PDB file of N, CA and C in Angstrom:
ATOM      1  N   MET A   1      24.519  16.044  -5.668  1.00  0.00           N
ATOM      2  CA  MET A   1      25.893  16.369  -6.023  1.00  0.00           C
ATOM      3  C   MET A   1      26.592  17.001  -4.840  1.00  0.00           C
ATOM      4  N   GLU A   2      25.899  17.799  -4.198  1.00  0.00           N
ATOM      5  CA  GLU A   2      26.563  18.505  -3.000  1.00  0.00           C
ATOM      6  C   GLU A   2      26.923  17.543  -1.941  1.00  0.00           C
ATOM      7  N   GLU A   3      26.068  16.469  -1.770  1.00  0.00           N
ATOM      8  CA  GLU A   3      26.244  15.510  -0.744  1.00  0.00           C
ATOM      9  C   GLU A   3      27.486  14.671  -1.117  1.00  0.00           C
ATOM     10  N   LYS A   4      27.765  14.358  -2.417  1.00  0.00           N
ATOM     11  CA  LYS A   4      28.974  13.619  -2.877  1.00  0.00           C
ATOM     12  C   LYS A   4      30.130  14.430  -2.544  1.00  0.00           C
ATOM     13  N   ARG A   5      30.022  15.756  -2.944  1.00  0.00           N
ATOM     14  CA  ARG A   5      31.254  16.637  -2.667  1.00  0.00           C
ATOM     15  C   ARG A   5      31.627  16.695  -1.274  1.00  0.00           C
ATOM     16  N   LYS A   6      30.512  16.828  -0.334  1.00  0.00           N
ATOM     17  CA  LYS A   6      30.769  16.913   1.090  1.00  0.00           C
ATOM     18  C   LYS A   6      31.437  15.678   1.527  1.00  0.00           C
ATOM     19  N   LEU A   7      30.925  14.520   1.145  1.00  0.00           N
ATOM     20  CA  LEU A   7      31.475  13.253   1.470  1.00  0.00           C
ATOM     21  C   LEU A   7      32.973  13.115   1.080  1.00  0.00           C
ATOM     22  N   LEU A   8      33.316  13.557  -0.076  1.00  0.00           N
ATOM     23  CA  LEU A   8      34.705  13.481  -0.603  1.00  0.00           C
ATOM     24  C   LEU A   8      35.511  14.371   0.245  1.00  0.00           C
ATOM     25  N   ARG A   9      35.008  15.585   0.614  1.00  0.00           N
ATOM     26  CA  ARG A   9      35.787  16.601   1.312  1.00  0.00           C
ATOM     27  C   ARG A   9      36.096  16.017   2.677  1.00  0.00           C
ATOM     28  N   LYS A  10      35.125  15.285   3.324  1.00  0.00           N
ATOM     29  CA  LYS A  10      35.397  14.744   4.685  1.00  0.00           C
ATOM     30  C   LYS A  10      36.459  13.503   4.596  1.00  0.00           C
ATOM     31  N   GLN A  11      36.452  12.898   3.412  1.00  0.00           N
ATOM     32  CA  GLN A  11      37.415  11.787   3.275  1.00  0.00           C
ATOM     33  C   GLN A  11      38.812  12.223   2.850  1.00  0.00           C
ATOM     34  N   GLY A  12      38.903  13.525   2.506  1.00  0.00           N
ATOM     35  CA  GLY A  12      40.141  14.153   2.146  1.00  0.00           C
ATOM     36  C   GLY A  12      40.474  13.797   0.628  1.00  0.00           C
ATOM     37  N   LYS A  13      39.595  13.532  -0.121  1.00  0.00           N
ATOM     38  CA  LYS A  13      39.745  13.060  -1.590  1.00  0.00           C
ATOM     39  C   LYS A  13      39.502  14.355  -2.464  1.00  0.00           C
ATOM     40  N   PRO A  14      39.987  14.315  -3.740  1.00  0.00           N
ATOM     41  CA  PRO A  14      39.601  15.408  -4.658  1.00  0.00           C
ATOM     42  C   PRO A  14      38.183  15.470  -4.831  1.00  0.00           C
ATOM     43  N   GLN A  15      37.573  16.711  -4.980  1.00  0.00           N
ATOM     44  CA  GLN A  15      36.123  16.945  -5.032  1.00  0.00           C
ATOM     45  C   GLN A  15      35.653  16.884  -6.520  1.00  0.00           C
ATOM     46  N   VAL A  16      36.165  16.075  -7.318  1.00  0.00           N
ATOM     47  CA  VAL A  16      35.780  15.935  -8.775  1.00  0.00           C
ATOM     48  C   VAL A  16      34.810  14.665  -8.719  1.00  0.00           C
ATOM     49  N   ILE A  17      33.550  14.957  -9.189  1.00  0.00           N
ATOM     50  CA  ILE A  17      32.568  13.888  -9.270  1.00  0.00           C
ATOM     51  C   ILE A  17      32.126  13.660 -10.710  1.00  0.00           C
ATOM     52  N   ASP A  18      31.602  12.532 -11.006  1.00  0.00           N
ATOM     53  CA  ASP A  18      31.167  12.287 -12.346  1.00  0.00           C
ATOM     54  C   ASP A  18      30.269  13.230 -12.965  1.00  0.00           C
ATOM     55  N   GLU A  19      29.303  13.765 -12.206  1.00  0.00           N
ATOM     56  CA  GLU A  19      28.322  14.728 -12.732  1.00  0.00           C
ATOM     57  C   GLU A  19      28.971  16.045 -13.191  1.00  0.00           C
ATOM     58  N   ASP A  20      30.162  16.307 -12.970  1.00  0.00           N
ATOM     59  CA  ASP A  20      30.871  17.502 -13.494  1.00  0.00           C
ATOM     60  C   ASP A  20      30.951  17.378 -14.987  1.00  0.00           C
ATOM     61  N   ASP A  21      30.954  16.210 -15.552  1.00  0.00           N
ATOM     62  CA  ASP A  21      31.020  16.042 -17.001  1.00  0.00           C
ATOM     63  C   ASP A  21      29.570  16.207 -17.498  1.00  0.00           C
ATOM     64  N   PRO A  22      29.308  17.145 -18.464  1.00  0.00           N
ATOM     65  CA  PRO A  22      28.004  17.420 -19.037  1.00  0.00           C
ATOM     66  C   PRO A  22      27.292  16.101 -19.473  1.00  0.00           C
ATOM     67  N   GLU A  23      27.939  15.301 -20.143  1.00  0.00           N
ATOM     68  CA  GLU A  23      27.286  13.990 -20.698  1.00  0.00           C
ATOM     69  C   GLU A  23      26.941  13.042 -19.495  1.00  0.00           C
ATOM     70  N   LYS A  24      27.797  12.953 -18.521  1.00  0.00           N
ATOM     71  CA  LYS A  24      27.436  12.167 -17.425  1.00  0.00           C
ATOM     72  C   LYS A  24      26.308  12.657 -16.569  1.00  0.00           C
ATOM     73  N   TYR A  25      26.420  14.077 -16.516  1.00  0.00           N
ATOM     74  CA  TYR A  25      25.316  14.725 -15.832  1.00  0.00           C
ATOM     75  C   TYR A  25      23.896  14.506 -16.537  1.00  0.00           C
ATOM     76  N   LYS A  26      23.849  14.594 -17.808  1.00  0.00           N
ATOM     77  CA  LYS A  26      22.617  14.313 -18.595  1.00  0.00           C
ATOM     78  C   LYS A  26      22.231  12.927 -18.245  1.00  0.00           C
ATOM     79  N   GLN A  27      23.108  11.917 -18.409  1.00  0.00           N
ATOM     80  CA  GLN A  27      22.774  10.600 -18.116  1.00  0.00           C
ATOM     81  C   GLN A  27      22.201  10.372 -16.701  1.00  0.00           C
ATOM     82  N   ALA A  28      22.818  10.979 -15.742  1.00  0.00           N
ATOM     83  CA  ALA A  28      22.357  10.885 -14.379  1.00  0.00           C
ATOM     84  C   ALA A  28      20.909  11.439 -14.165  1.00  0.00           C
ATOM     85  N   VAL A  29      20.634  12.581 -14.922  1.00  0.00           N
ATOM     86  CA  VAL A  29      19.368  13.306 -14.800  1.00  0.00           C
ATOM     87  C   VAL A  29      18.331  12.251 -15.520  1.00  0.00           C
ATOM     88  N   LYS A  30      18.761  11.782 -16.663  1.00  0.00           N
ATOM     89  CA  LYS A  30      17.811  10.838 -17.340  1.00  0.00           C
ATOM     90  C   LYS A  30      17.420   9.623 -16.505  1.00  0.00           C
ATOM     91  N   VAL A  31      18.447   8.975 -15.846  1.00  0.00           N
ATOM     92  CA  VAL A  31      18.212   7.809 -15.003  1.00  0.00           C
ATOM     93  C   VAL A  31      17.321   8.181 -13.866  1.00  0.00           C
ATOM     94  N   LEU A  32      17.454   9.256 -13.195  1.00  0.00           N
ATOM     95  CA  LEU A  32      16.696   9.758 -12.119  1.00  0.00           C
ATOM     96  C   LEU A  32      15.347   9.999 -12.561  1.00  0.00           C
ATOM     97  N   THR A  33      15.143  10.628 -13.733  1.00  0.00           N
ATOM     98  CA  THR A  33      13.761  10.905 -14.170  1.00  0.00           C
ATOM     99  C   THR A  33      13.047   9.582 -14.499  1.00  0.00           C
ATOM    100  N   MET A  34      13.733   8.603 -15.063  1.00  0.00           N
ATOM    101  CA  MET A  34      13.058   7.344 -15.409  1.00  0.00           C
ATOM    102  C   MET A  34      12.704   6.653 -14.081  1.00  0.00           C
ATOM    103  N   LYS A  35      13.470   6.762 -13.110  1.00  0.00           N
ATOM    104  CA  LYS A  35      13.117   6.112 -11.720  1.00  0.00           C
ATOM    105  C   LYS A  35      11.841   6.738 -11.188  1.00  0.00           C
ATOM    106  N   LEU A  36      11.842   8.056 -11.232  1.00  0.00           N
ATOM    107  CA  LEU A  36      10.711   8.798 -10.686  1.00  0.00           C
ATOM    108  C   LEU A  36       9.379   8.380 -11.329  1.00  0.00           C
ATOM    109  N   PHE A  37       9.431   8.381 -12.716  1.00  0.00           N
ATOM    110  CA  PHE A  37       8.272   8.006 -13.412  1.00  0.00           C
ATOM    111  C   PHE A  37       7.880   6.547 -13.234  1.00  0.00           C
ATOM    112  N   ALA A  38       8.858   5.796 -13.052  1.00  0.00           N
ATOM    113  CA  ALA A  38       8.537   4.290 -12.834  1.00  0.00           C
ATOM    114  C   ALA A  38       7.856   4.219 -11.366  1.00  0.00           C
ATOM    115  N   ASP A  39       8.386   4.925 -10.442  1.00  0.00           N
ATOM    116  CA  ASP A  39       7.716   4.974  -9.057  1.00  0.00           C
ATOM    117  C   ASP A  39       6.328   5.441  -9.177  1.00  0.00           C
ATOM    118  N   LEU A  40       6.085   6.524  -9.883  1.00  0.00           N
ATOM    119  CA  LEU A  40       4.615   7.098 -10.032  1.00  0.00           C
ATOM    120  C   LEU A  40       3.804   5.953 -10.732  1.00  0.00           C
ATOM    121  N   GLU A  41       4.364   5.329 -11.731  1.00  0.00           N
ATOM    122  CA  GLU A  41       3.471   4.333 -12.480  1.00  0.00           C
ATOM    123  C   GLU A  41       3.172   3.157 -11.465  1.00  0.00           C
ATOM    124  N   ARG A  42       4.212   2.741 -10.714  1.00  0.00           N
ATOM    125  CA  ARG A  42       3.872   1.734  -9.721  1.00  0.00           C
ATOM    126  C   ARG A  42       2.881   2.080  -8.796  1.00  0.00           C
ATOM    127  N   LYS A  43       2.931   3.255  -8.208  1.00  0.00           N
ATOM    128  CA  LYS A  43       1.956   3.727  -7.378  1.00  0.00           C
ATOM    129  C   LYS A  43       0.568   3.916  -7.864  1.00  0.00           C
ATOM    130  N   ARG A  44       0.481   4.384  -9.182  1.00  0.00           N
ATOM    131  CA  ARG A  44      -0.771   4.499  -9.924  1.00  0.00           C
ATOM    132  C   ARG A  44      -1.420   3.011  -9.908  1.00  0.00           C
ATOM    133  N   ARG A  45      -0.635   2.073 -10.415  1.00  0.00           N
ATOM    134  CA  ARG A  45      -1.164   0.732 -10.550  1.00  0.00           C
ATOM    135  C   ARG A  45      -1.631   0.172  -9.217  1.00  0.00           C
ATOM    136  N   THR A  46      -0.933   0.429  -8.138  1.00  0.00           N
ATOM    137  CA  THR A  46      -1.379  -0.038  -6.817  1.00  0.00           C
ATOM    138  C   THR A  46      -2.603   0.621  -6.434  1.00  0.00           C
ATOM    139  N   LEU A  47      -2.739   1.870  -6.573  1.00  0.00           N
ATOM    140  CA  LEU A  47      -4.011   2.597  -6.304  1.00  0.00           C
ATOM    141  C   LEU A  47      -5.121   2.071  -7.173  1.00  0.00           C
ATOM    142  N   GLU A  48      -4.966   1.817  -8.437  1.00  0.00           N
ATOM    143  CA  GLU A  48      -6.035   1.259  -9.323  1.00  0.00           C
ATOM    144  C   GLU A  48      -6.435  -0.150  -8.733  1.00  0.00           C
ATOM    145  N   ALA A  49      -5.577  -0.917  -8.456  1.00  0.00           N
ATOM    146  CA  ALA A  49      -5.834  -2.262  -7.935  1.00  0.00           C
ATOM    147  C   ALA A  49      -6.569  -2.253  -6.659  1.00  0.00           C
ATOM    148  N   LYS A  50      -6.222  -1.293  -5.761  1.00  0.00           N
ATOM    149  CA  LYS A  50      -6.902  -1.129  -4.467  1.00  0.00           C
ATOM    150  C   LYS A  50      -8.333  -0.583  -4.734  1.00  0.00           C
ATOM    151  N   ILE A  51      -8.593   0.333  -5.559  1.00  0.00           N
ATOM    152  CA  ILE A  51      -9.869   0.895  -5.894  1.00  0.00           C
ATOM    153  C   ILE A  51     -10.720  -0.232  -6.509  1.00  0.00           C
ATOM    154  N   SER A  52     -10.185  -1.078  -7.334  1.00  0.00           N
ATOM    155  CA  SER A  52     -10.897  -2.105  -7.992  1.00  0.00           C
ATOM    156  C   SER A  52     -11.330  -3.174  -6.912  1.00  0.00           C
ATOM    157  N   GLU A  53     -10.393  -3.530  -6.089  1.00  0.00           N
ATOM    158  CA  GLU A  53     -10.661  -4.459  -5.003  1.00  0.00           C
ATOM    159  C   GLU A  53     -11.720  -4.015  -4.129  1.00  0.00           C
ATOM    160  N   ASP A  54     -11.657  -2.746  -3.711  1.00  0.00           N
ATOM    161  CA  ASP A  54     -12.704  -2.203  -2.862  1.00  0.00           C
ATOM    162  C   ASP A  54     -14.112  -2.239  -3.527  1.00  0.00           C
ATOM    163  N   ALA A  55     -14.164  -1.885  -4.794  1.00  0.00           N
ATOM    164  CA  ALA A  55     -15.351  -1.898  -5.571  1.00  0.00           C
ATOM    165  C   ALA A  55     -15.924  -3.311  -5.534  1.00  0.00           C
ATOM    166  N   ALA A  56     -15.066  -4.348  -5.739  1.00  0.00           N
ATOM    167  CA  ALA A  56     -15.587  -5.668  -5.823  1.00  0.00           C
ATOM    168  C   ALA A  56     -16.054  -6.082  -4.476  1.00  0.00           C
ATOM    169  N   LYS A  57     -15.391  -5.684  -3.276  1.00  0.00           N
ATOM    170  CA  LYS A  57     -15.904  -6.050  -2.045  1.00  0.00           C
ATOM    171  C   LYS A  57     -17.206  -5.407  -1.767  1.00  0.00           C
ATOM    172  N   LYS A  58     -17.385  -4.186  -2.165  1.00  0.00           N
ATOM    173  CA  LYS A  58     -18.628  -3.538  -1.959  1.00  0.00           C
ATOM    174  C   LYS A  58     -19.761  -4.135  -2.682  1.00  0.00           C
ATOM    175  N   ARG A  59     -19.460  -4.497  -3.986  1.00  0.00           N
ATOM    176  CA  ARG A  59     -20.503  -5.154  -4.801  1.00  0.00           C
ATOM    177  C   ARG A  59     -20.889  -6.545  -4.215  1.00  0.00           C
ATOM    178  N   ALA A  60     -19.934  -7.258  -3.712  1.00  0.00           N
ATOM    179  CA  ALA A  60     -20.256  -8.488  -3.036  1.00  0.00           C
ATOM    180  C   ALA A  60     -21.085  -8.454  -1.877  1.00  0.00           C
ATOM    181  N   ALA A  61     -20.805  -7.406  -1.030  1.00  0.00           N
ATOM    182  CA  ALA A  61     -21.612  -7.070   0.226  1.00  0.00           C
ATOM    183  C   ALA A  61     -22.985  -6.737  -0.231  1.00  0.00           C
ATOM    184  N   GLU A  62     -23.172  -5.957  -1.320  1.00  0.00           N
ATOM    185  CA  GLU A  62     -24.440  -5.488  -1.702  1.00  0.00           C
ATOM    186  C   GLU A  62     -25.193  -6.808  -2.158  1.00  0.00           C
ATOM    187  N   LEU A  63     -24.694  -7.660  -2.916  1.00  0.00           N
ATOM    188  CA  LEU A  63     -25.274  -8.880  -3.366  1.00  0.00           C
ATOM    189  C   LEU A  63     -25.660  -9.752  -2.213  1.00  0.00           C
ATOM    190  N   GLU A  64     -24.869  -9.861  -1.162  1.00  0.00           N
ATOM    191  CA  GLU A  64     -25.183 -10.629  -0.031  1.00  0.00           C
ATOM    192  C   GLU A  64     -26.376 -10.115   0.744  1.00  0.00           C
ATOM    193  N   ALA A  65     -26.394  -8.760   0.811  1.00  0.00           N
ATOM    194  CA  ALA A  65     -27.429  -8.101   1.603  1.00  0.00           C
ATOM    195  C   ALA A  65     -28.727  -8.298   0.827  1.00  0.00           C
ATOM    196  N   GLU A  66     -28.687  -8.154  -0.422  1.00  0.00           N
ATOM    197  CA  GLU A  66     -29.812  -8.365  -1.356  1.00  0.00           C
ATOM    198  C   GLU A  66     -30.437  -9.791  -1.199  1.00  0.00           C
ATOM    199  N   GLU A  67     -29.475 -10.788  -1.242  1.00  0.00           N
ATOM    200  CA  GLU A  67     -29.898 -12.196  -1.015  1.00  0.00           C
ATOM    201  C   GLU A  67     -30.518 -12.382   0.360  1.00  0.00           C
ATOM    202  N   LYS A  68     -30.088 -11.800   1.370  1.00  0.00           N
ATOM    203  CA  LYS A  68     -30.643 -11.973   2.672  1.00  0.00           C
ATOM    204  C   LYS A  68     -32.000 -11.346   2.733  1.00  0.00           C
ATOM    205  N   ARG A  69     -32.191 -10.173   2.045  1.00  0.00           N
ATOM    206  CA  ARG A  69     -33.434  -9.524   2.112  1.00  0.00           C
ATOM    207  C   ARG A  69     -34.471 -10.306   1.287  1.00  0.00           C
ATOM    208  N   ASP A  70     -34.019 -10.919   0.212  1.00  0.00           N
ATOM    209  CA  ASP A  70     -34.957 -11.730  -0.519  1.00  0.00           C
ATOM    210  C   ASP A  70     -35.387 -12.980   0.182  1.00  0.00           C
ATOM    211  N   MET A  71     -34.484 -13.562   0.949  1.00  0.00           N
ATOM    212  CA  MET A  71     -34.850 -14.851   1.632  1.00  0.00           C
ATOM    213  C   MET A  71     -35.760 -14.631   2.816  1.00  0.00           C
ATOM    214  N   VAL A  72     -35.647 -13.492   3.474  1.00  0.00           N
ATOM    215  CA  VAL A  72     -36.515 -13.266   4.600  1.00  0.00           C
ATOM    216  C   VAL A  72     -37.528 -12.151   4.202  1.00  0.00           C
ATOM    217  N   ARG A  73     -38.563 -12.667   3.597  1.00  0.00           N
ATOM    218  CA  ARG A  73     -39.702 -11.722   3.181  1.00  0.00           C
ATOM    219  C   ARG A  73     -40.769 -11.815   4.218  1.00  0.00           C
ATOM    220  N   PRO A  74     -41.429 -10.739   4.456  1.00  0.00           N
ATOM    221  CA  PRO A  74     -42.553 -10.848   5.413  1.00  0.00           C
ATOM    222  C   PRO A  74     -43.675 -11.746   4.946  1.00  0.00           C
ATOM    223  N   GLU A  75     -44.459 -12.348   5.873  1.00  0.00           N
ATOM    224  CA  GLU A  75     -45.555 -13.205   5.516  1.00  0.00           C
ATOM    225  C   GLU A  75     -46.692 -12.325   4.848  1.00  0.00           C
ATOM    226  N   VAL A  76     -47.283 -12.963   3.817  1.00  0.00           N
ATOM    227  CA  VAL A  76     -48.382 -12.220   3.229  1.00  0.00           C
ATOM    228  C   VAL A  76     -49.622 -13.153   3.490  1.00  0.00           C
ATOM    229  N   ASP A  77     -50.619 -12.585   4.116  1.00  0.00           N
ATOM    230  CA  ASP A  77     -51.860 -13.304   4.335  1.00  0.00           C
ATOM    231  C   ASP A  77     -51.567 -14.749   4.997  1.00  0.00           C
ATOM    232  N   GLY A  78     -50.694 -14.772   5.893  1.00  0.00           N
ATOM    233  CA  GLY A  78     -50.336 -16.085   6.557  1.00  0.00           C
ATOM    234  C   GLY A  78     -49.524 -16.999   5.784  1.00  0.00           C
ATOM    235  N   LEU A  79     -49.122 -16.658   4.557  1.00  0.00           N
ATOM    236  CA  LEU A  79     -48.243 -17.509   3.722  1.00  0.00           C
ATOM    237  C   LEU A  79     -46.834 -16.919   3.741  1.00  0.00           C
ATOM    238  N   LEU A  80     -45.915 -17.815   3.777  1.00  0.00           N
ATOM    239  CA  LEU A  80     -44.472 -17.351   3.762  1.00  0.00           C
ATOM    240  C   LEU A  80     -44.027 -17.310   2.267  1.00  0.00           C
ATOM    241  N   CYS A  81     -43.571 -16.155   1.874  1.00  0.00           N
ATOM    242  CA  CYS A  81     -43.084 -15.971   0.514  1.00  0.00           C
ATOM    243  C   CYS A  81     -41.520 -16.313   0.485  1.00  0.00           C
ATOM    244  N   VAL A  82     -41.187 -17.372  -0.243  1.00  0.00           N
ATOM    245  CA  VAL A  82     -39.906 -17.873  -0.445  1.00  0.00           C
ATOM    246  C   VAL A  82     -39.588 -17.972  -1.915  1.00  0.00           C
ATOM    247  N   ARG A  83     -38.444 -17.356  -2.258  1.00  0.00           N
ATOM    248  CA  ARG A  83     -38.096 -17.429  -3.667  1.00  0.00           C
ATOM    249  C   ARG A  83     -37.187 -18.576  -3.915  1.00  0.00           C
TER     250      ARG A  83
END
């Protein structure tokens, strides 16, 4: 609100802004609150997606390492163990 007043003062206009009306102020606060919560929700979803993606990559790497380990088993009594 102070920024709006300062801008109006620089432009030489009356310093009456919409937020001076209690109803419009309430509406402005409500809109700002909704925007902030929407941003938080968006960030939360992004973080959850990233965590899920990282877990999937880690699991895929573990499976790949396990497959490699199973494919290359040491020889037992001169025989090669292959599954």
